[in-house]
Amino acid sequence: MEERYFKEVRIMTSHPGRMRVVNSALQAADWPIEQSEILTAAKHALLACLEGNLSPGSARFAFIQAAKEAGN
């Protein structure tokens, strides 16, 4: 399975002041964000991207929305 890279997204970790850089649909799909409707939609978008059915930019947008909702 191809990683499907996109422009990096910096996400706050549980350690204050520490960030993690996510730059692919595969990395984003593994990111632990609490369950919500937006997260479910983002996971579907990331999987569709990994399958080649959605652009990396669209998957990135969905991931950012889920991360924002989770406070990351």
Protein backbone atom coordinates (compact mmCIF):
# COMPACT_ATOMS: atom_id res chain seq x y z
CA MET A 1 0.00 0.00 0.00
CA GLU A 2 1.36 3.40 -0.98
CA GLU A 3 1.69 6.01 1.79
CA ARG A 4 0.16 8.85 -0.28
CA TYR A 5 2.11 11.90 0.89
CA PHE A 6 0.70 15.38 1.47
CA LYS A 7 1.92 18.72 2.81
CA GLU A 8 3.00 18.26 6.43
CA VAL A 9 0.64 18.84 9.33
CA ARG A 10 2.06 19.61 12.77
CA ILE A 11 0.08 18.06 15.62
CA MET A 12 0.50 18.71 19.33
CA THR A 13 1.31 15.57 21.33
CA SER A 14 0.30 14.79 24.89
CA HIS A 15 3.65 16.21 26.01
CA PRO A 16 3.43 20.02 26.36
CA GLY A 17 5.50 21.80 23.74
CA ARG A 18 6.14 18.66 21.68
CA MET A 19 4.78 18.31 18.18
CA ARG A 20 4.64 15.50 15.67
CA VAL A 21 4.79 15.98 11.93
CA VAL A 22 2.32 13.97 9.88
CA ASN A 23 2.89 14.01 6.13
CA SER A 24 1.06 11.02 4.69
CA ALA A 25 -2.36 9.41 4.73
CA LEU A 26 -0.84 6.29 6.29
CA GLN A 27 0.65 8.25 9.21
CA ALA A 28 -2.59 10.18 9.69
CA ALA A 29 -4.68 7.00 9.73
CA ASP A 30 -2.61 5.78 12.70
CA TRP A 31 -2.98 9.01 14.68
CA PRO A 32 -4.95 8.44 17.92
CA ILE A 33 -7.78 10.98 17.99
CA GLU A 34 -10.85 10.44 20.15
CA GLN A 35 -13.88 8.96 18.42
CA SER A 36 -16.31 11.40 16.82
CA GLU A 37 -18.35 11.76 13.64
CA ILE A 38 -15.64 13.96 12.13
CA LEU A 39 -12.95 11.40 13.03
CA THR A 40 -14.99 8.62 11.44
CA ALA A 41 -15.33 10.70 8.26
CA ALA A 42 -11.60 11.47 8.35
CA LYS A 43 -10.70 7.79 8.75
CA HIS A 44 -12.91 6.95 5.75
CA ALA A 45 -11.24 9.73 3.75
CA LEU A 46 -7.75 8.53 4.69
CA LEU A 47 -8.58 4.94 3.75
CA ALA A 48 -10.09 6.10 0.44
CA CYS A 49 -6.88 8.03 -0.20
CA LEU A 50 -4.73 4.99 0.57
CA GLU A 51 -6.85 2.99 -1.87
CA GLY A 52 -6.30 5.65 -4.54
CA ASN A 53 -9.92 6.85 -4.56
CA LEU A 54 -9.35 10.28 -2.97
CA SER A 55 -6.64 12.88 -3.38
CA PRO A 56 -4.02 13.30 -0.64
CA GLY A 57 -5.08 16.95 -0.29
CA SER A 58 -8.67 16.00 0.47
CA ALA A 59 -7.55 13.37 2.98
CA ARG A 60 -5.25 15.95 4.60
CA PHE A 61 -8.16 18.38 4.96
CA ALA A 62 -10.32 15.72 6.63
CA PHE A 63 -7.48 14.82 9.01
CA ILE A 64 -6.96 18.47 9.96
CA GLN A 65 -10.67 18.87 10.74
CA ALA A 66 -10.61 15.81 13.01
CA ALA A 67 -7.43 16.99 14.76
CA LYS A 68 -8.92 20.45 15.34
CA GLU A 69 -12.07 18.96 16.83
CA ALA A 70 -9.91 16.86 19.16
CA GLY A 71 -7.98 19.94 20.25
CA ASN A 72 -4.75 18.97 18.55
